[in-house]
């Protein structure tokens, strides 16, 4: 058998060696059956390449599974591979096995592999290796490890993920987990994933993952809790479900009497006007549950502004809206500024059916001081300038000759924000008397008022 001398450069992380225990039988020493390197081969296909230490006294083969198993033993495998070459890696000889059954659409699909050999009538196994193409790319890109300082390799890894996602979309294959999505690593110390009995995996944020640990450890100590990497308790039973956050995380099974301190944070959900819709205390790293979708006249609910998953600090989440008005309406636009600033709040007329008179009563937060009112002269007609010190202030306009048709900027209100204003939303609310809004025929017009606010940062 000819041994190649070409050095195989592996980018992937060295897989932790697992001891094989005592010798089996008396014929010979058990060879090292651990998969110590795993990589990809980019040629006509994308291959998973496995490297197992070479032992000239043993016949070593590789078992491969393409789905999780309760036990990874001979006879349950989907494939059995023989090595294709011997290569030198970092000064040592390795058997190299190539698994060529991964299609482009399967880059997120995990492959499970372990080497075995026969010693007498017994089969001896090496470590179980769990791997997929996404995991390889994440290690190259530094998303789950330090990454590599090779821009070409990093660009290739990113392109591979895009290629895989495109194949999934085209073939409609597991499109809920596209290869180019954002995955986060879960690692377990002292326990395993219920799904495949392994201790790691990449998941989308929000995924619920079942984990398990022994009821007692090797010293006979009873299980106490699961903790995250900051020492916060995430579960108090060996069998638990965790929700994946937007960060890589290590969960540790603890035994004995020590109890880490639980850190909790408050998540506050507010409506557009600052009204609190829900408050919830969550453990560090957990996710809050938003309230029922709120409503706002003239707007459509558009989700929540802020992150309420993997909570690691007190946070306020605010309802978002998009303008959704089909009827005659007055819209107060909203602005964001700092305490002490001067801001302009514009008031617009939309879906105007033809109006000859409009009167609005505008009430504004006490942290706002009205410094000027600028009516839009392009509308024509007559504007009445009210005293700036009034709160509410009455905005009056009328046209004595004809209806004004079309959408207009109606007025601009300029406010000075108090130097002592606390962060938050300072509401501007308008009401009207139906007799103050009519057309040239003196027919009253129904008007939708969409209120605004000044958000102080």
Protein backbone atom coordinates (compact mmCIF):
# COMPACT_ATOMS: atom_id res chain seq x y z
CA UNK A 1 0.00 0.00 0.00
CA UNK A 2 1.52 3.36 -1.05
CA UNK A 3 1.28 6.23 1.45
CA UNK A 4 0.87 9.73 0.03
CA UNK A 5 3.19 12.42 1.33
CA UNK A 6 1.02 15.40 0.44
CA UNK A 7 0.03 17.38 3.52
CA UNK A 8 -3.73 17.68 3.94
CA UNK A 9 -4.62 21.02 5.50
CA UNK A 10 -7.75 20.81 7.61
CA UNK A 11 -9.59 23.99 8.53
CA UNK A 12 -12.10 22.41 10.87
CA UNK A 13 -11.55 22.22 14.60
CA UNK A 14 -9.85 19.19 16.13
CA UNK A 15 -12.53 16.89 17.48
CA UNK A 16 -12.06 16.03 21.17
CA UNK A 17 -10.62 12.56 21.59
CA UNK A 18 -12.71 10.04 23.49
CA UNK A 19 -10.90 7.30 25.41
CA UNK A 20 -11.65 3.78 24.41
CA UNK A 21 -11.15 2.25 27.83
CA UNK A 22 -9.52 -1.12 28.50
CA UNK A 23 -8.21 -3.40 25.83
CA UNK A 24 -10.69 -5.80 24.28
CA UNK A 25 -9.30 -9.31 23.94
CA UNK A 26 -5.68 -10.30 24.23
CA UNK A 27 -4.67 -10.33 20.54
CA UNK A 28 -3.42 -6.71 20.19
CA UNK A 29 -3.73 -3.17 21.55
CA UNK A 30 -6.85 -1.29 20.53
CA UNK A 31 -6.02 1.23 17.77
CA UNK A 32 -7.02 4.86 18.05
CA UNK A 33 -10.42 4.93 16.34
CA UNK A 34 -11.25 8.54 16.99
CA UNK A 35 -12.15 10.86 14.14
CA UNK A 36 -9.59 13.56 14.82
CA UNK A 37 -10.17 15.82 11.82
CA UNK A 38 -13.17 16.51 9.63
CA UNK A 39 -13.18 18.78 6.61
CA UNK A 40 -14.84 19.41 3.26
CA UNK A 41 -13.50 18.69 -0.20
CA UNK A 42 -14.44 21.16 -2.92
CA UNK A 43 -14.24 19.48 -6.31
CA UNK A 44 -17.10 18.18 -8.44
CA UNK A 45 -19.05 17.56 -5.24
CA UNK A 46 -18.94 18.76 -1.65
CA UNK A 47 -17.66 15.88 0.48
CA UNK A 48 -17.36 15.41 4.17
CA UNK A 49 -13.82 14.16 4.81
CA UNK A 50 -12.93 12.29 7.98
CA UNK A 51 -9.44 11.53 9.28
CA UNK A 52 -8.82 8.62 11.67
CA UNK A 53 -5.32 7.75 12.97
CA UNK A 54 -3.66 5.09 10.80
CA UNK A 55 -2.98 1.71 12.43
CA UNK A 56 -1.32 -0.84 10.18
CA UNK A 57 -2.35 -3.74 12.45
CA UNK A 58 -6.11 -3.13 12.20
CA UNK A 59 -8.76 -2.92 9.51
CA UNK A 60 -10.64 0.25 10.29
CA UNK A 61 -13.90 1.28 8.64
CA UNK A 62 -16.27 4.20 9.07
CA UNK A 63 -19.97 3.93 9.88
CA UNK A 64 -22.19 6.82 8.77
CA UNK A 65 -25.77 7.73 9.68
CA UNK A 66 -27.86 10.41 7.97
CA UNK A 67 -30.43 10.63 10.78
CA UNK A 68 -30.34 10.65 14.60
CA UNK A 69 -30.17 7.27 16.36
CA UNK A 70 -30.73 6.08 19.91
CA UNK A 71 -27.53 4.01 19.52
CA UNK A 72 -24.82 4.39 16.91
CA UNK A 73 -23.67 0.78 16.54
CA UNK A 74 -22.80 -1.57 13.71
CA UNK A 75 -25.90 -2.77 11.92
CA UNK A 76 -27.85 0.48 12.29
CA UNK A 77 -25.70 2.54 9.92
CA UNK A 78 -26.90 3.98 6.63
CA UNK A 79 -23.44 3.65 5.06
CA UNK A 80 -20.17 1.84 5.73
CA UNK A 81 -17.07 3.43 4.22
CA UNK A 82 -13.55 2.19 3.58
CA UNK A 83 -10.69 4.66 3.57
CA UNK A 84 -9.60 6.02 0.20
CA UNK A 85 -6.09 7.15 1.02
CA UNK A 86 -3.51 7.61 3.75
CA UNK A 87 -2.35 11.16 4.28
CA UNK A 88 0.05 12.91 6.59
CA UNK A 89 -1.49 15.58 8.81
CA UNK A 90 0.65 17.53 11.25
CA UNK A 91 3.34 14.86 11.13
CA UNK A 92 1.08 11.84 11.69
CA UNK A 93 -0.51 9.34 9.29
CA UNK A 94 -4.30 9.27 8.93
CA UNK A 95 -6.83 7.18 7.09
CA UNK A 96 -9.04 9.51 5.07
CA UNK A 97 -12.69 8.56 4.48
CA UNK A 98 -14.84 10.53 2.03
CA UNK A 99 -18.61 10.75 2.48
CA UNK A 100 -20.04 11.86 -0.86
CA UNK A 101 -23.77 11.58 -0.25
CA UNK A 102 -24.47 15.22 0.67
CA UNK A 103 -26.44 17.16 -1.94
CA UNK A 104 -26.31 20.95 -2.08
CA UNK A 105 -29.75 21.18 -0.50
CA UNK A 106 -28.54 19.20 2.55
CA UNK A 107 -25.94 21.61 3.94
CA UNK A 108 -27.82 21.97 7.22
CA UNK A 109 -28.52 18.21 7.48
CA UNK A 110 -26.33 16.63 10.15
CA UNK A 111 -24.24 13.55 9.42
CA UNK A 112 -23.16 11.19 12.23
CA UNK A 113 -20.02 9.11 11.86
CA UNK A 114 -17.75 6.86 13.92
CA UNK A 115 -14.94 4.46 13.12
CA UNK A 116 -14.82 0.83 14.23
CA UNK A 117 -12.64 -2.25 14.00
CA UNK A 118 -12.95 -5.91 14.94
CA UNK A 119 -10.92 -7.31 17.81
CA UNK A 120 -11.58 -10.98 18.03
CA UNK A 121 -15.35 -11.39 18.22
CA UNK A 122 -15.88 -7.85 19.50
CA UNK A 123 -16.40 -4.58 17.67
CA UNK A 124 -14.58 -1.59 19.11
CA UNK A 125 -15.76 1.94 18.34
CA UNK A 126 -14.25 5.39 18.29
CA UNK A 127 -15.90 8.70 19.11
CA UNK A 128 -19.18 9.76 17.56
CA UNK A 129 -18.77 12.75 15.25
CA UNK A 130 -21.73 15.02 14.44
CA UNK A 131 -21.16 17.46 11.60
CA UNK A 132 -22.74 19.36 8.73
CA UNK A 133 -21.60 21.85 6.09
CA UNK A 134 -23.09 24.83 7.97
CA UNK A 135 -21.01 23.92 11.04
CA UNK A 136 -17.88 23.83 8.90
CA UNK A 137 -18.67 27.24 7.38
CA UNK A 138 -19.39 28.75 10.80
CA UNK A 139 -15.99 27.64 12.09
CA UNK A 140 -14.26 29.17 9.06
CA UNK A 141 -16.23 32.41 9.45
CA UNK A 142 -15.57 32.64 13.19
CA UNK A 143 -19.20 32.31 14.24
CA UNK A 144 -18.57 29.40 16.60
CA UNK A 145 -14.80 29.63 17.04
CA UNK A 146 -11.93 32.00 16.32
CA UNK A 147 -12.27 31.48 12.57
CA UNK A 148 -9.40 31.61 10.09
CA UNK A 149 -7.45 34.52 8.66
CA UNK A 150 -8.02 33.69 5.01
CA UNK A 151 -10.37 36.02 3.16
CA UNK A 152 -10.70 33.68 0.18
CA UNK A 153 -11.70 30.76 2.40
CA UNK A 154 -14.16 32.97 4.28
CA UNK A 155 -15.69 34.19 1.02
CA UNK A 156 -15.97 30.59 -0.18
CA UNK A 157 -17.68 29.51 3.06
CA UNK A 158 -20.23 32.33 2.73
CA UNK A 159 -20.86 31.45 -0.91
CA UNK A 160 -21.39 27.78 0.00
CA UNK A 161 -24.14 28.75 2.46
CA UNK A 162 -25.84 30.93 -0.16
CA UNK A 163 -25.60 28.10 -2.68
CA UNK A 164 -27.16 25.67 -0.24
CA UNK A 165 -30.03 28.03 0.59
CA UNK A 166 -30.68 28.59 -3.11
CA UNK A 167 -30.81 24.83 -3.70
CA UNK A 168 -33.22 24.39 -0.78
CA UNK A 169 -35.50 27.12 -2.11
CA UNK A 170 -35.44 25.80 -5.67
CA UNK A 171 -36.13 22.22 -4.56
CA UNK A 172 -38.51 23.26 -1.73
CA UNK A 173 -36.41 21.30 0.76
CA UNK A 174 -36.57 22.23 4.46
CA UNK A 175 -37.05 25.89 3.62
CA UNK A 176 -37.71 26.68 7.29
CA UNK A 177 -33.98 26.14 7.93
CA UNK A 178 -32.17 27.67 4.96
CA UNK A 179 -28.41 27.22 5.04
CA UNK A 180 -27.80 31.00 4.97
CA UNK A 181 -30.03 31.71 7.97
CA UNK A 182 -28.61 32.82 11.32
CA UNK A 183 -27.97 29.77 13.49
CA UNK A 184 -26.72 29.73 17.07
CA UNK A 185 -24.69 27.02 18.73
CA UNK A 186 -25.94 25.09 21.74
CA UNK A 187 -23.36 23.08 23.72
CA UNK A 188 -24.08 20.87 26.71
CA UNK A 189 -21.71 20.00 29.55
CA UNK A 190 -22.71 16.84 31.39
CA UNK A 191 -25.79 16.17 29.30
CA UNK A 192 -27.08 15.47 25.81
CA UNK A 193 -29.67 16.50 23.27
CA UNK A 194 -32.71 14.24 23.39
CA UNK A 195 -32.91 14.29 19.59
CA UNK A 196 -29.62 12.57 18.82
CA UNK A 197 -27.80 11.95 22.16
CA UNK A 198 -25.02 14.36 21.09
CA UNK A 199 -23.90 17.40 23.06
CA UNK A 200 -24.03 20.17 20.47
CA UNK A 201 -25.98 21.57 17.53
CA UNK A 202 -26.80 24.71 15.54
CA UNK A 203 -30.33 26.09 15.79
CA UNK A 204 -32.43 29.07 14.78
CA UNK A 205 -33.27 31.58 17.49
CA UNK A 206 -36.58 30.68 19.11
CA UNK A 207 -36.15 26.93 18.55
CA UNK A 208 -37.17 24.80 21.53
CA UNK A 209 -34.56 22.14 22.21
CA UNK A 210 -35.02 19.18 24.56
CA UNK A 211 -32.01 18.33 26.72
CA UNK A 212 -31.35 15.59 29.26
CA UNK A 213 -28.82 14.69 31.94
CA UNK A 214 -28.35 11.75 34.33
CA UNK A 215 -30.22 11.95 37.63
CA UNK A 216 -26.91 11.39 39.46
CA UNK A 217 -23.31 11.91 38.43
CA UNK A 218 -20.39 9.48 38.69
CA UNK A 219 -19.90 10.46 42.34
CA UNK A 220 -23.50 9.71 43.22
CA UNK A 221 -24.43 13.39 43.63
CA UNK A 222 -28.01 14.24 42.73
CA UNK A 223 -28.81 16.55 39.84
CA UNK A 224 -29.61 20.10 40.97
CA UNK A 225 -30.07 22.29 37.89
CA UNK A 226 -29.03 23.39 34.42
CA UNK A 227 -27.19 26.72 34.20
CA UNK A 228 -26.13 28.89 31.27
CA UNK A 229 -22.67 30.31 30.68
CA UNK A 230 -23.31 33.21 33.09
CA UNK A 231 -24.33 30.86 35.93
CA UNK A 232 -28.05 31.58 35.73
CA UNK A 233 -30.41 28.66 36.36
CA UNK A 234 -32.41 27.77 33.23
CA UNK A 235 -34.01 24.52 34.48
CA UNK A 236 -34.23 22.49 37.69
CA UNK A 237 -34.98 19.03 36.26
CA UNK A 238 -32.63 16.72 34.30
CA UNK A 239 -35.06 16.61 31.39
CA UNK A 240 -35.75 20.15 30.24
CA UNK A 241 -36.60 22.30 27.23
CA UNK A 242 -34.57 25.38 26.42
CA UNK A 243 -35.35 28.14 23.95
CA UNK A 244 -32.44 29.08 21.73
CA UNK A 245 -31.53 32.77 21.91
CA UNK A 246 -29.58 34.99 19.55
CA UNK A 247 -26.16 34.00 20.88
CA UNK A 248 -24.05 30.86 21.20
CA UNK A 249 -24.60 29.28 24.62
CA UNK A 250 -23.20 26.53 26.83
CA UNK A 251 -25.54 24.80 29.29
CA UNK A 252 -24.08 22.85 32.21
CA UNK A 253 -25.71 20.10 34.28
CA UNK A 254 -24.93 20.71 37.96
CA UNK A 255 -24.88 18.19 40.80
CA UNK A 256 -24.69 18.51 44.57
CA UNK A 257 -26.00 21.27 46.81
CA UNK A 258 -24.59 24.40 45.15
CA UNK A 259 -27.26 26.67 43.72
CA UNK A 260 -26.22 29.49 41.37
CA UNK A 261 -27.95 32.85 41.70
CA UNK A 262 -30.74 33.42 39.21
CA UNK A 263 -30.68 36.80 37.47
CA UNK A 264 -34.03 38.06 36.22
CA UNK A 265 -34.89 41.01 34.01
CA UNK A 266 -38.08 42.94 33.32
CA UNK A 267 -39.51 43.12 29.82
CA UNK A 268 -42.08 45.89 29.37
CA UNK A 269 -44.37 45.99 26.33
CA UNK A 270 -45.85 49.42 25.59
CA UNK A 271 -48.19 50.84 23.00
CA UNK A 272 -47.23 53.72 20.69
CA UNK A 273 -48.37 56.26 23.31
CA UNK A 274 -46.32 54.76 26.15
CA UNK A 275 -49.21 52.93 27.80
CA UNK A 276 -47.91 49.71 29.35
CA UNK A 277 -49.57 46.67 27.79
CA UNK A 278 -47.66 43.99 29.70
CA UNK A 279 -44.74 43.52 32.07
CA UNK A 280 -42.94 40.21 32.46
CA UNK A 281 -40.02 39.02 34.57
CA UNK A 282 -37.79 36.50 32.75
CA UNK A 283 -34.62 34.65 33.68
CA UNK A 284 -31.45 35.80 31.96
CA UNK A 285 -31.28 34.29 28.49
CA UNK A 286 -34.98 33.42 28.35
CA UNK A 287 -37.58 35.00 26.08
CA UNK A 288 -40.64 37.04 26.95
CA UNK A 289 -44.09 36.50 25.47
CA UNK A 290 -45.66 39.58 23.88
CA UNK A 291 -49.27 40.53 24.60
CA UNK A 292 -52.07 40.35 22.05
CA UNK A 293 -51.52 42.66 19.10
CA UNK A 294 -52.76 46.17 20.00
CA UNK A 295 -54.68 48.49 17.67
CA UNK A 296 -54.44 52.18 16.82
CA UNK A 297 -56.90 54.27 14.81
CA UNK A 298 -55.57 55.01 11.36
CA UNK A 299 -52.71 52.53 11.60
CA UNK A 300 -52.05 48.83 11.10
CA UNK A 301 -50.03 46.95 13.71
CA UNK A 302 -46.55 46.14 12.29
CA UNK A 303 -44.87 44.14 15.05
CA UNK A 304 -42.70 44.99 18.05
CA UNK A 305 -39.77 47.40 18.09
CA UNK A 306 -37.06 45.67 20.12
CA UNK A 307 -35.71 42.24 20.97
CA UNK A 308 -37.47 40.19 23.63
CA UNK A 309 -35.60 36.89 23.06
CA UNK A 310 -32.42 35.91 24.95
CA UNK A 311 -33.05 38.76 27.40
CA UNK A 312 -29.93 39.92 29.25
CA UNK A 313 -31.09 43.33 30.56
CA UNK A 314 -34.25 45.24 31.43
CA UNK A 315 -35.85 46.23 28.14
CA UNK A 316 -38.89 48.12 26.85
CA UNK A 317 -40.55 46.84 23.68
CA UNK A 318 -42.82 49.25 21.78
CA UNK A 319 -45.62 48.45 19.34
CA UNK A 320 -44.92 49.50 15.75
CA UNK A 321 -47.55 50.66 13.27
CA UNK A 322 -47.80 51.59 9.62
CA UNK A 323 -50.20 54.26 8.38
CA UNK A 324 -53.42 52.74 7.05
CA UNK A 325 -56.02 55.43 6.33
CA UNK A 326 -58.54 55.34 3.48
CA UNK A 327 -60.94 58.02 4.78
CA UNK A 328 -60.68 61.80 5.16
CA UNK A 329 -58.02 62.20 7.84
CA UNK A 330 -55.72 64.59 9.66
CA UNK A 331 -52.33 63.03 10.43
CA UNK A 332 -50.01 64.32 13.15
CA UNK A 333 -46.54 63.10 12.26
CA UNK A 334 -44.24 61.84 15.02
CA UNK A 335 -40.62 62.84 15.62
CA UNK A 336 -37.70 61.79 17.82
CA UNK A 337 -35.35 64.22 19.59
CA UNK A 338 -33.49 64.87 22.83
CA UNK A 339 -34.45 66.87 25.89
CA UNK A 340 -33.84 70.59 25.26
CA UNK A 341 -34.28 70.27 21.48
CA UNK A 342 -36.71 72.23 19.31
CA UNK A 343 -38.76 70.09 16.91
CA UNK A 344 -41.34 70.55 14.15
CA UNK A 345 -44.47 68.39 14.13
CA UNK A 346 -46.27 68.54 10.78
CA UNK A 347 -50.02 68.04 10.41
CA UNK A 348 -51.24 66.73 7.06
CA UNK A 349 -54.64 66.35 5.38
CA UNK A 350 -55.16 63.08 3.48
CA UNK A 351 -58.00 61.80 1.28
CA UNK A 352 -59.57 65.27 1.24
CA UNK A 353 -63.10 65.11 -0.25
CA UNK A 354 -63.25 68.94 -0.51
CA UNK A 355 -63.25 70.95 2.68
CA UNK A 356 -64.15 74.56 3.43
CA UNK A 357 -63.68 74.68 7.20
CA UNK A 358 -61.59 72.87 9.76
CA UNK A 359 -61.16 73.41 13.47
CA UNK A 360 -58.94 71.24 15.67
CA UNK A 361 -58.36 71.28 19.42
CA UNK A 362 -54.77 70.16 20.06
CA UNK A 363 -53.60 69.11 23.54
CA UNK A 364 -49.93 68.37 24.11
CA UNK A 365 -47.73 66.95 26.86
CA UNK A 366 -46.53 69.31 29.60
CA UNK A 367 -42.88 68.62 28.66
CA UNK A 368 -43.59 70.41 25.36
CA UNK A 369 -43.83 74.19 24.94
CA UNK A 370 -45.51 75.47 21.77
CA UNK A 371 -43.26 78.15 20.26
CA UNK A 372 -44.81 78.75 16.83
CA UNK A 373 -47.71 77.79 14.56
CA UNK A 374 -47.14 77.96 10.82
CA UNK A 375 -50.18 77.42 8.60
CA UNK A 376 -49.70 76.41 4.99
CA UNK A 377 -50.67 79.41 2.86
CA UNK A 378 -50.90 77.18 -0.23
CA UNK A 379 -54.30 76.05 1.02
CA UNK A 380 -55.65 79.58 0.63
CA UNK A 381 -58.54 80.61 2.83
CA UNK A 382 -58.20 82.26 6.23
CA UNK A 383 -56.19 81.03 9.22
CA UNK A 384 -56.74 82.21 12.76
CA UNK A 385 -53.57 82.48 14.84
CA UNK A 386 -54.36 81.40 18.43
CA UNK A 387 -52.32 82.34 21.53
CA UNK A 388 -49.25 80.08 21.83
CA UNK A 389 -49.76 79.73 25.57
CA UNK A 390 -53.04 77.86 25.18
CA UNK A 391 -53.06 74.14 25.88
CA UNK A 392 -55.24 72.86 24.27
CA UNK A 393 -54.71 75.23 21.38
CA UNK A 394 -57.45 75.79 18.77
CA UNK A 395 -56.39 75.62 15.11
CA UNK A 396 -58.98 77.31 12.84
CA UNK A 397 -59.09 77.59 9.07
CA UNK A 398 -61.91 78.31 6.60
CA UNK A 399 -62.49 79.10 2.96
CA UNK A 400 -65.37 81.43 2.18
CA UNK A 401 -65.39 80.94 -1.59
CA UNK A 402 -65.08 77.24 -2.45
CA UNK A 403 -63.97 73.81 -1.29
CA UNK A 404 -60.25 73.13 -1.10
CA UNK A 405 -59.57 69.79 -2.71
CA UNK A 406 -56.50 67.58 -2.65
CA UNK A 407 -54.09 66.54 0.09
CA UNK A 408 -52.12 69.27 1.84
CA UNK A 409 -49.70 70.05 4.59
CA UNK A 410 -52.14 71.81 6.91
CA UNK A 411 -49.95 73.28 9.63
CA UNK A 412 -46.53 72.94 11.28
CA UNK A 413 -46.33 73.09 15.08
CA UNK A 414 -42.95 73.92 16.62
CA UNK A 415 -42.27 72.70 20.16
CA UNK A 416 -39.43 73.23 22.61
CA UNK A 417 -38.75 70.08 24.65
CA UNK A 418 -38.12 70.70 28.33
CA UNK A 419 -34.49 70.36 29.42
CA UNK A 420 -35.67 68.09 32.22
CA UNK A 421 -37.91 65.90 30.06
CA UNK A 422 -37.50 62.20 30.85
CA UNK A 423 -37.01 59.74 27.97
CA UNK A 424 -40.28 58.50 26.52
CA UNK A 425 -43.16 59.54 24.30
CA UNK A 426 -44.80 62.94 24.72
CA UNK A 427 -48.26 62.63 23.24
CA UNK A 428 -50.01 65.18 21.01
CA UNK A 429 -53.78 64.56 20.87
CA UNK A 430 -56.32 66.33 18.65
CA UNK A 431 -60.13 66.40 18.86
CA UNK A 432 -62.74 68.29 16.86
CA UNK A 433 -66.33 69.45 16.99
CA UNK A 434 -68.26 67.98 14.02
CA UNK A 435 -69.71 71.44 13.37
CA UNK A 436 -66.18 72.77 12.78
CA UNK A 437 -65.44 70.47 9.82
CA UNK A 438 -67.63 70.96 6.74
CA UNK A 439 -67.66 71.71 3.02
CA UNK A 440 -68.83 74.79 1.13
CA UNK A 441 -72.41 73.48 1.29
CA UNK A 442 -72.06 73.35 5.08
CA UNK A 443 -72.33 69.57 5.09
CA UNK A 444 -70.43 68.17 8.08
CA UNK A 445 -67.54 65.87 7.11
CA UNK A 446 -66.47 62.80 9.08
CA UNK A 447 -62.82 63.14 9.98
CA UNK A 448 -60.29 60.57 11.24
CA UNK A 449 -57.65 62.06 13.52
CA UNK A 450 -54.34 60.23 13.80
CA UNK A 451 -52.53 61.60 16.84
CA UNK A 452 -48.76 61.98 17.08
CA UNK A 453 -46.00 62.20 19.64
CA UNK A 454 -42.50 63.45 20.29
CA UNK A 455 -40.19 60.68 21.45
CA UNK A 456 -37.48 61.92 23.80
CA UNK A 457 -34.34 59.77 23.52
